[in-house]
Protein backbone atom coordinates (compact mmCIF):
# COMPACT_ATOMS: atom_id res chain seq x y z
CA MET A 1 44.81 65.63 -37.87
CA ARG A 2 41.62 63.66 -38.54
CA LEU A 3 38.36 65.56 -38.91
CA ILE A 4 35.18 64.17 -37.41
CA VAL A 5 32.65 63.53 -40.17
CA THR A 6 28.98 63.26 -39.29
CA GLU A 7 26.58 60.79 -40.86
CA ALA A 8 24.83 63.66 -42.64
CA GLN A 9 28.13 64.85 -44.13
CA ARG A 10 28.98 61.32 -45.30
CA HIS A 11 25.53 61.09 -46.85
CA ARG A 12 26.03 64.35 -48.75
CA GLU A 13 29.35 63.09 -50.13
CA ILE A 14 27.79 59.79 -51.23
CA GLU A 15 24.78 61.56 -52.74
CA HIS A 16 26.95 63.86 -54.84
CA GLY A 17 26.10 62.98 -58.41
CA LYS A 18 23.03 60.89 -57.50
CA ASP A 19 19.36 61.87 -57.56
CA LEU A 20 19.38 65.29 -55.91
CA ARG A 21 15.61 65.20 -55.29
CA THR A 22 15.99 62.73 -52.43
CA SER A 23 19.05 64.31 -50.78
CA PRO A 24 17.11 66.97 -48.81
CA ILE A 25 14.61 64.35 -47.64
CA ILE A 26 17.32 61.97 -46.47
CA GLY A 27 19.23 64.83 -44.84
CA ALA A 28 16.11 65.87 -42.89
CA ALA A 29 15.50 62.26 -41.85
CA ILE A 30 19.09 62.01 -40.58
CA GLU A 31 18.61 65.16 -38.50
CA ILE A 32 15.36 63.78 -37.04
CA HIS A 33 17.07 60.46 -36.27
CA ARG A 34 19.97 62.30 -34.64
CA ASN A 35 17.60 64.25 -32.35
CA LEU A 36 15.03 61.56 -31.58
CA ASP A 37 17.26 58.48 -31.89
CA SER A 38 15.73 55.29 -33.23
CA GLY A 39 12.23 55.97 -31.93
CA LEU A 40 9.95 53.27 -30.64
CA LEU A 41 11.04 49.65 -30.44
CA GLU A 42 8.20 48.22 -32.48
CA SER A 43 7.91 45.75 -35.29
CA ALA A 44 6.24 48.50 -37.35
CA TYR A 45 9.75 49.74 -38.19
CA GLU A 46 10.68 46.52 -39.98
CA LEU A 47 10.90 46.91 -43.77
CA LEU A 48 8.54 44.08 -44.65
CA PRO A 49 7.90 43.07 -48.27
CA VAL A 50 4.43 44.63 -48.03
CA HIS A 51 5.99 48.06 -47.42
CA GLU A 52 8.09 47.77 -50.54
CA ALA A 53 5.03 46.64 -52.51
CA GLN A 54 3.16 49.70 -51.23
CA LEU A 55 6.01 51.95 -52.33
CA TRP A 56 5.93 50.49 -55.86
CA THR A 57 2.14 50.97 -55.96
CA TYR A 58 2.39 54.60 -54.80
CA LEU A 59 5.09 55.31 -57.39
CA ARG A 60 2.92 53.92 -60.18
CA LEU A 61 -0.24 55.71 -59.01
CA THR A 62 1.42 59.09 -58.56
CA GLY A 63 3.68 58.93 -61.61
CA LYS A 64 6.72 59.60 -59.44
CA ARG A 65 9.97 57.90 -60.40
CA VAL A 66 11.84 57.76 -57.08
CA GLY A 67 10.64 56.57 -53.69
CA LEU A 68 12.21 56.04 -50.28
CA LEU A 69 11.50 53.62 -47.47
CA ILE A 70 13.11 54.85 -44.26
CA ASN A 71 13.54 52.61 -41.20
CA PHE A 72 14.37 54.76 -38.16
CA ASN A 73 15.06 51.74 -35.93
CA VAL A 74 18.74 51.43 -36.89
CA PRO A 75 21.96 52.74 -35.30
CA PHE A 76 22.84 54.81 -38.39
CA LEU A 77 19.93 56.00 -40.48
CA THR A 78 21.76 55.47 -43.77
CA GLN A 79 21.56 51.72 -42.98
CA GLY A 80 17.76 51.95 -42.95
CA ILE A 81 17.20 53.75 -46.24
CA VAL A 82 15.91 51.91 -49.28
CA ARG A 83 15.66 53.88 -52.54
CA ARG A 84 13.56 52.52 -55.38
CA VAL A 85 13.44 53.96 -58.90
CA LEU A 86 10.54 53.17 -61.22
């Protein structure tokens, strides 16, 4: 018998042993994506280099070590998550 595993459950298994500070954020984003789907079909969802540059800037300015870029315009949200560590 094969159990059905949700994307959120797969994420929790992958995250086991990784940075636990981002797990609740990613889990919440997965739930939002599940309920609202991929959102608007706009180019604003593309992860352009400027967005990553902004993330690095925000990490340096705030003194935080871990940041996430989340693109909701993907079939499975885990495909749209970029984690950066300063």
